[in-house]
Amino acid sequence: MGDTRAGRRLVLGTVLLFALGGTTSPVTQVLAPHAAPAAAARAAKAAKPAATKTSAKWSGSVNANDRAAVNAAYLRDYQPGLRLPTGWNGNDSTCAAGTQSAASRAATLRGINFARSLAGLAPVAFAASLNSSSQLSALLMSANRSLSHTPPKTWKCYTDAGGANAGKSNLALSYPSITSSGVVGLYLEDAGSTNAAAGHRRWLLNPSSTTMGSGATNTAHAMTVVGPTSASRPNPSYVPWPTSGWFPNTLEPSGRWSLSVGNRALSFAWATVHVWRDGKPISVKKNAVVDGYGHPTLVWQLPANLTRSGTFKVQVTGIRATAKSTAYTSTYTVRMFTPGS
């Protein structure tokens, strides 16, 4: 699928919110802040997190050191959904929530789990109850052509279930249409100046997540991401995006790279990041460290015109629990390639 990112517009609310304009009819959104995840973020800052045990990557994850294996997984699990419509059978004007088609929802799930597998994380499942709530949230966003984690009861097609679930979801609008795995790529890219913390990405790549939900109209999507978790899930020491090893350049997030740490007691507040492309250093802008979305994460910006090809060495130093505690370093290599080539 051709790269259409230049035609998108994206806006973030206080926490997890996207508005995406399509290539033919961009739309500007008016956004309202959402209290629940913001409160969770404040609590995370106020309380010293307990150390979290880390583990090896999920044993079933794709071998990222094998280009052919990554390419095959991409072509099987992600690419087909890029052109697959949501198959929605509802109606905005009559407030009929309808459903995302089974084929579309399956493609969305495959897209999420492809990304998680690349990162060494165990797959998630969709729950019917969360799909139903997500569908009501998607209808709200679609019918009102706007996004909010706290939609007012005066909104067209408002339901208590849909309104409440909006506070637990990644939300997206895309015109003229949204696609089944394309929306996964939008959440992972997390483009726009107000998405500097990459919150959407971090929720999708939360190691402990077990269950999510997906609902969609033709132009709106809601993905319940704040849901069931398990401490027994594989929890790698580090989760980068783009991931180490061979990485499909169609998922390269326009230079907005990130690294999450498995041990929640650690912080990137004192960290420094350096990146080399094909052996030559390139400029790095470290974004403000924001906690509260999954695991502690560092996000940085690279020159977007340099990141779709080449071999990248990334080194993050100064990962600590406190300013004077032991410092850890993560060093890894990313090899960009064009899938299908």
Protein backbone atom coordinates (compact mmCIF):
# COMPACT_ATOMS: atom_id res chain seq x y z
CA MET A 1 0.00 0.00 0.00
CA GLY A 2 1.35 3.44 -0.88
CA ASP A 3 2.42 5.83 1.86
CA THR A 4 -0.36 8.40 2.45
CA ARG A 5 0.90 9.88 5.69
CA ALA A 6 1.38 13.34 4.22
CA GLY A 7 -2.39 13.73 3.87
CA ARG A 8 -3.21 12.94 7.48
CA ARG A 9 -4.02 15.31 10.28
CA LEU A 10 -3.75 14.06 13.82
CA VAL A 11 -4.70 15.67 17.11
CA LEU A 12 -4.37 14.31 20.64
CA GLY A 13 -6.50 15.15 23.64
CA THR A 14 -5.19 15.01 27.17
CA VAL A 15 -4.43 11.32 26.91
CA LEU A 16 -5.29 9.00 24.04
CA LEU A 17 -7.01 10.69 21.20
CA PHE A 18 -6.45 10.94 17.51
CA ALA A 19 -8.24 12.79 14.72
CA LEU A 20 -7.07 11.72 11.30
CA GLY A 21 -7.93 13.46 8.08
CA GLY A 22 -7.88 11.43 4.89
CA THR A 23 -6.13 12.46 1.73
CA THR A 24 -9.22 13.94 0.11
CA SER A 25 -11.17 15.58 2.93
CA PRO A 26 -9.13 16.47 6.00
CA VAL A 27 -11.09 17.30 9.13
CA THR A 28 -10.26 19.42 12.14
CA GLN A 29 -11.45 18.15 15.52
CA VAL A 30 -12.41 20.00 18.69
CA LEU A 31 -11.23 17.85 21.58
CA ALA A 32 -12.24 17.59 25.23
CA PRO A 33 -9.84 16.38 27.96
CA HIS A 34 -10.40 13.06 29.64
CA ALA A 35 -9.98 12.64 33.39
CA ALA A 36 -9.57 8.91 34.01
CA PRO A 37 -6.30 8.11 32.22
CA ALA A 38 -4.97 11.53 33.22
CA ALA A 39 -5.67 10.63 36.86
CA ALA A 40 -3.88 7.32 36.33
CA ALA A 41 -0.89 9.21 34.94
CA ARG A 42 -0.80 11.55 37.95
CA ALA A 43 -1.00 8.59 40.32
CA ALA A 44 1.87 6.90 38.51
CA LYS A 45 4.01 10.00 39.00
CA ALA A 46 3.07 10.37 42.68
CA ALA A 47 3.70 6.77 43.74
CA LYS A 48 7.10 5.09 43.51
CA PRO A 49 6.46 1.99 41.34
CA ALA A 50 7.50 -1.41 42.58
CA ALA A 51 10.15 -3.32 40.70
CA THR A 52 8.71 -5.58 38.00
CA LYS A 53 10.26 -8.92 37.15
CA THR A 54 11.43 -9.14 33.54
CA SER A 55 11.65 -12.23 31.37
CA ALA A 56 12.63 -13.51 27.96
CA LYS A 57 10.61 -12.57 24.91
CA TRP A 58 7.49 -14.55 24.07
CA SER A 59 8.65 -17.91 22.75
CA GLY A 60 6.30 -17.73 19.76
CA SER A 61 7.41 -14.31 18.54
CA VAL A 62 8.70 -13.89 15.00
CA ASN A 63 12.47 -14.20 14.60
CA ALA A 64 13.33 -10.57 13.94
CA ASN A 65 16.87 -11.52 12.97
CA ASP A 66 15.48 -13.41 9.95
CA ARG A 67 14.40 -10.97 7.23
CA ALA A 68 12.45 -13.64 5.37
CA ALA A 69 10.51 -14.57 8.52
CA VAL A 70 9.58 -10.96 9.26
CA ASN A 71 8.62 -10.36 5.65
CA ALA A 72 6.41 -13.46 5.55
CA ALA A 73 4.68 -12.53 8.81
CA TYR A 74 4.05 -8.98 7.56
CA LEU A 75 2.57 -10.18 4.26
CA ARG A 76 0.41 -12.75 6.04
CA ASP A 77 -0.76 -10.88 9.13
CA TYR A 78 -0.61 -7.15 8.45
CA GLN A 79 -0.64 -6.21 4.78
CA PRO A 80 -3.99 -7.81 3.82
CA GLY A 81 -5.85 -5.62 6.30
CA LEU A 82 -4.50 -2.37 4.86
CA ARG A 83 -7.11 -2.41 2.11
CA LEU A 84 -9.85 -4.24 3.98
CA PRO A 85 -12.82 -1.98 4.88
CA THR A 86 -14.41 -2.22 8.31
CA GLY A 87 -17.55 -3.85 6.90
CA TRP A 88 -19.71 -1.78 9.23
CA ASN A 89 -23.44 -2.49 9.00
CA GLY A 90 -24.78 0.28 11.25
CA ASN A 91 -26.13 3.78 10.59
CA ASP A 92 -25.12 7.12 12.11
CA SER A 93 -28.38 8.85 11.31
CA THR A 94 -30.51 6.28 13.15
CA CYS A 95 -27.94 5.56 15.89
CA ALA A 96 -27.77 1.91 14.87
CA ALA A 97 -24.42 0.79 16.31
CA GLY A 98 -24.11 -2.21 14.02
CA THR A 99 -20.89 -4.18 14.10
CA GLN A 100 -17.46 -4.25 12.57
CA SER A 101 -17.42 -7.28 10.29
CA ALA A 102 -15.86 -10.47 11.63
CA ALA A 103 -13.28 -10.39 8.83
CA SER A 104 -12.33 -6.80 9.61
CA ARG A 105 -12.07 -7.39 13.34
CA ALA A 106 -9.91 -10.46 12.75
CA ALA A 107 -7.61 -8.39 10.51
CA THR A 108 -7.34 -5.70 13.19
CA LEU A 109 -6.38 -8.33 15.76
CA ARG A 110 -3.81 -9.88 13.43
CA GLY A 111 -2.30 -6.43 12.90
CA ILE A 112 -1.97 -5.82 16.65
CA ASN A 113 -0.47 -9.23 17.28
CA PHE A 114 1.98 -8.88 14.40
CA ALA A 115 3.33 -5.73 16.04
CA ARG A 116 3.41 -7.38 19.46
CA SER A 117 5.21 -10.41 18.04
CA LEU A 118 7.87 -8.17 16.48
CA ALA A 119 8.36 -6.66 19.94
CA GLY A 120 8.62 -10.07 21.60
CA LEU A 121 5.23 -9.80 23.32
CA ALA A 122 2.53 -12.41 23.70
CA PRO A 123 -0.64 -11.96 21.62
CA VAL A 124 -3.85 -10.45 22.94
CA ALA A 125 -7.41 -11.57 22.27
CA PHE A 126 -10.59 -9.59 21.68
CA ALA A 127 -13.45 -10.10 24.12
CA ALA A 128 -17.02 -9.96 22.85
CA SER A 129 -18.05 -7.68 25.70
CA LEU A 130 -15.23 -5.21 24.98
CA ASN A 131 -15.99 -5.35 21.25
CA SER A 132 -19.60 -4.37 21.99
CA SER A 133 -18.56 -1.46 24.21
CA SER A 134 -15.96 -0.36 21.66
CA GLN A 135 -18.62 -0.40 18.95
CA LEU A 136 -20.83 1.98 20.97
CA SER A 137 -17.84 4.30 21.47
CA ALA A 138 -17.00 4.23 17.77
CA LEU A 139 -20.62 5.08 16.92
CA LEU A 140 -20.47 8.11 19.23
CA MET A 141 -17.35 9.45 17.53
CA SER A 142 -18.69 8.75 14.06
CA ALA A 143 -22.14 10.24 14.60
CA ASN A 144 -20.74 13.43 16.10
CA ARG A 145 -17.69 13.67 13.81
CA SER A 146 -15.60 14.41 16.85
CA LEU A 147 -13.58 12.67 19.54
CA SER A 148 -13.83 12.73 23.31
CA HIS A 149 -12.91 10.43 26.17
CA THR A 150 -15.72 12.05 28.17
CA PRO A 151 -18.50 12.56 25.61
CA PRO A 152 -21.44 14.52 27.02
CA LYS A 153 -24.85 12.93 27.30
CA THR A 154 -26.12 15.55 24.86
CA TRP A 155 -24.15 13.92 22.05
CA LYS A 156 -26.11 12.21 19.36
CA CYS A 157 -26.28 8.41 19.84
CA TYR A 158 -25.04 8.69 23.44
CA THR A 159 -25.17 5.58 25.62
CA ASP A 160 -23.73 5.15 29.10
CA ALA A 161 -21.73 2.12 27.95
CA GLY A 162 -20.26 3.89 24.95
CA GLY A 163 -19.43 7.01 26.93
CA ALA A 164 -17.74 5.11 29.74
CA ASN A 165 -15.74 2.93 27.37
CA ALA A 166 -14.41 5.98 25.53
CA GLY A 167 -12.32 6.68 28.61
CA LYS A 168 -10.55 3.33 28.26
CA SER A 169 -9.90 3.43 24.53
CA ASN A 170 -7.69 4.62 21.73
CA LEU A 171 -10.00 6.66 19.50
CA ALA A 172 -9.54 7.55 15.83
CA LEU A 173 -11.39 9.32 13.05
CA SER A 174 -10.18 8.98 9.47
CA TYR A 175 -11.75 10.39 6.33
CA PRO A 176 -12.77 9.27 3.79
CA SER A 177 -12.48 5.83 5.43
CA ILE A 178 -10.63 3.69 7.92
CA THR A 179 -9.17 0.25 7.23
CA SER A 180 -8.85 -2.86 9.34
CA SER A 181 -5.11 -3.00 10.01
CA GLY A 182 -4.44 0.52 8.78
CA VAL A 183 -5.83 1.84 12.06
CA VAL A 184 -3.26 -0.25 13.93
CA GLY A 185 -0.52 1.49 11.97
CA LEU A 186 -1.99 4.88 12.86
CA TYR A 187 -1.95 4.10 16.57
CA LEU A 188 1.61 2.80 16.32
CA GLU A 189 2.82 5.82 14.36
CA ASP A 190 1.37 8.24 16.94
CA ALA A 191 2.09 11.22 14.71
CA GLY A 192 1.52 14.87 15.63
CA SER A 193 2.98 17.36 18.08
CA THR A 194 0.48 16.45 20.79
CA ASN A 195 1.35 12.75 20.66
CA ALA A 196 4.94 13.20 21.80
CA ALA A 197 4.49 10.61 24.58
CA ALA A 198 3.37 7.92 22.07
CA GLY A 199 0.55 6.84 24.38
CA HIS A 200 -1.44 4.92 21.75
CA ARG A 201 1.62 2.85 20.84
CA ARG A 202 2.48 2.17 24.45
CA TRP A 203 -0.97 0.78 25.23
CA LEU A 204 -0.89 -1.54 22.20
CA LEU A 205 2.56 -2.76 23.23
CA ASN A 206 1.79 -3.13 26.94
CA PRO A 207 3.43 -6.48 27.82
CA SER A 208 0.89 -7.45 30.48
CA SER A 209 -2.22 -6.86 28.36
CA THR A 210 -4.28 -9.97 27.68
CA THR A 211 -7.56 -8.69 26.26
CA MET A 212 -8.68 -5.71 24.19
CA GLY A 213 -11.74 -4.76 22.18
CA SER A 214 -12.37 -3.30 18.73
CA GLY A 215 -15.30 -1.40 17.28
CA ALA A 216 -15.52 0.53 14.02
CA THR A 217 -17.75 2.47 11.67
CA ASN A 218 -16.69 3.47 8.18
CA THR A 219 -14.74 6.45 9.54
CA ALA A 220 -14.28 5.93 13.30
CA HIS A 221 -12.51 3.38 15.44
CA ALA A 222 -12.40 2.66 19.16
CA MET A 223 -10.01 0.17 20.67
CA THR A 224 -10.41 -0.68 24.33
CA VAL A 225 -6.82 -0.85 25.60
CA VAL A 226 -7.22 -0.33 29.35
CA GLY A 227 -8.48 -3.81 30.22
CA PRO A 228 -7.48 -7.20 31.63
CA THR A 229 -3.78 -7.82 32.32
CA SER A 230 -1.65 -10.62 33.72
CA ALA A 231 1.65 -10.35 35.57
CA SER A 232 2.61 -13.79 34.23
CA ARG A 233 2.91 -12.62 30.62
CA PRO A 234 6.36 -12.36 28.98
CA ASN A 235 7.92 -9.05 30.00
CA PRO A 236 11.15 -8.35 28.08
CA SER A 237 13.70 -6.05 29.66
CA TYR A 238 13.21 -3.58 26.79
CA VAL A 239 10.56 -3.03 24.12
CA PRO A 240 11.70 -0.70 21.33
CA TRP A 241 9.66 0.67 18.42
CA PRO A 242 10.85 0.25 15.74
CA THR A 243 11.93 -3.13 17.07
CA SER A 244 15.45 -4.52 16.90
CA GLY A 245 16.41 -6.70 13.98
CA TRP A 246 14.69 -6.50 10.58
CA PHE A 247 11.83 -4.00 10.56
CA PRO A 248 9.27 -3.26 7.79
CA ASN A 249 9.81 0.35 6.74
CA THR A 250 6.09 0.77 6.03
CA LEU A 251 5.62 0.78 9.82
CA GLU A 252 8.45 3.22 10.51
CA PRO A 253 6.81 5.98 12.60
CA SER A 254 8.14 9.08 10.80
CA GLY A 255 11.16 9.29 13.07
CA ARG A 256 9.21 9.08 16.34
CA TRP A 257 11.05 6.17 17.97
CA SER A 258 10.62 4.84 21.49
CA LEU A 259 12.00 2.44 24.07
CA SER A 260 10.02 1.00 26.97
CA VAL A 261 11.54 -0.74 29.97
CA GLY A 262 10.12 -3.89 31.54
CA ASN A 263 11.08 -3.01 35.11
CA ARG A 264 8.58 -0.36 36.20
CA ALA A 265 10.92 0.85 38.96
CA LEU A 266 13.30 2.25 36.35
CA SER A 267 13.02 5.66 34.73
CA PHE A 268 14.25 7.47 31.63
CA ALA A 269 14.36 10.84 33.41
CA TRP A 270 18.17 10.82 33.35
CA ALA A 271 18.59 8.94 30.08
CA THR A 272 20.49 9.99 26.98
CA VAL A 273 19.94 8.53 23.51
CA HIS A 274 22.37 8.33 20.59
CA VAL A 275 21.59 6.97 17.12
CA TRP A 276 23.87 6.08 14.20
CA ARG A 277 22.61 5.45 10.67
CA ASP A 278 24.91 3.30 8.54
CA GLY A 279 27.72 4.11 10.96
CA LYS A 280 27.20 7.89 11.01
CA PRO A 281 25.63 9.76 13.96
CA ILE A 282 22.31 11.49 13.30
CA SER A 283 20.53 14.17 15.30
CA VAL A 284 18.21 13.10 18.12
CA LYS A 285 15.62 15.17 19.99
CA LYS A 286 14.58 13.61 23.28
CA ASN A 287 10.91 14.18 24.10
CA ALA A 288 9.70 14.89 27.60
CA VAL A 289 9.37 11.72 29.68
CA VAL A 290 5.70 11.10 30.52
CA ASP A 291 4.62 8.17 32.68
CA GLY A 292 1.17 6.60 33.04
CA TYR A 293 0.69 4.80 29.70
CA GLY A 294 1.77 1.21 30.18
CA HIS A 295 5.46 0.87 31.04
CA PRO A 296 8.05 3.66 31.52
CA THR A 297 9.04 4.86 28.06
CA LEU A 298 11.46 7.21 26.36
CA VAL A 299 10.39 8.79 23.06
CA TRP A 300 12.72 10.65 20.72
CA GLN A 301 12.53 12.22 17.28
CA LEU A 302 14.88 11.46 14.40
CA PRO A 303 14.98 13.26 11.03
CA ALA A 304 12.03 11.66 9.24
CA ASN A 305 13.75 11.85 5.85
CA LEU A 306 16.48 9.48 7.06
CA THR A 307 14.55 6.77 8.88
CA ARG A 308 12.91 4.67 6.16
CA SER A 309 16.10 2.99 4.99
CA GLY A 310 19.45 1.97 6.40
CA THR A 311 20.85 0.21 9.45
CA PHE A 312 20.51 2.01 12.77
CA LYS A 313 22.44 1.51 15.98
CA VAL A 314 20.57 2.86 19.01
CA GLN A 315 22.15 3.36 22.41
CA VAL A 316 20.19 4.58 25.43
CA THR A 317 22.25 5.23 28.56
CA GLY A 318 21.42 6.48 32.04
CA ILE A 319 18.36 4.31 32.69
CA ARG A 320 18.01 4.46 36.50
CA ALA A 321 15.65 4.03 39.42
CA THR A 322 16.91 7.22 41.07
CA ALA A 323 19.37 9.95 40.17
CA LYS A 324 22.20 8.22 42.04
CA SER A 325 21.33 4.56 41.52
CA THR A 326 22.94 2.10 39.12
CA ALA A 327 22.67 3.19 35.49
CA TYR A 328 21.70 0.71 32.79
CA THR A 329 22.27 0.85 29.02
CA SER A 330 20.26 -0.58 26.14
CA THR A 331 22.00 -0.97 22.78
CA TYR A 332 20.32 -2.51 19.76
CA THR A 333 20.30 -2.47 15.95
CA VAL A 334 17.35 -1.83 13.60
CA ARG A 335 17.59 -2.88 9.93
CA MET A 336 14.94 -1.27 7.75
CA PHE A 337 13.62 -3.14 4.73
CA THR A 338 10.77 -2.79 2.27
CA PRO A 339 8.35 -5.71 2.76
CA GLY A 340 7.65 -7.75 -0.32
CA SER A 341 10.99 -6.83 -1.86
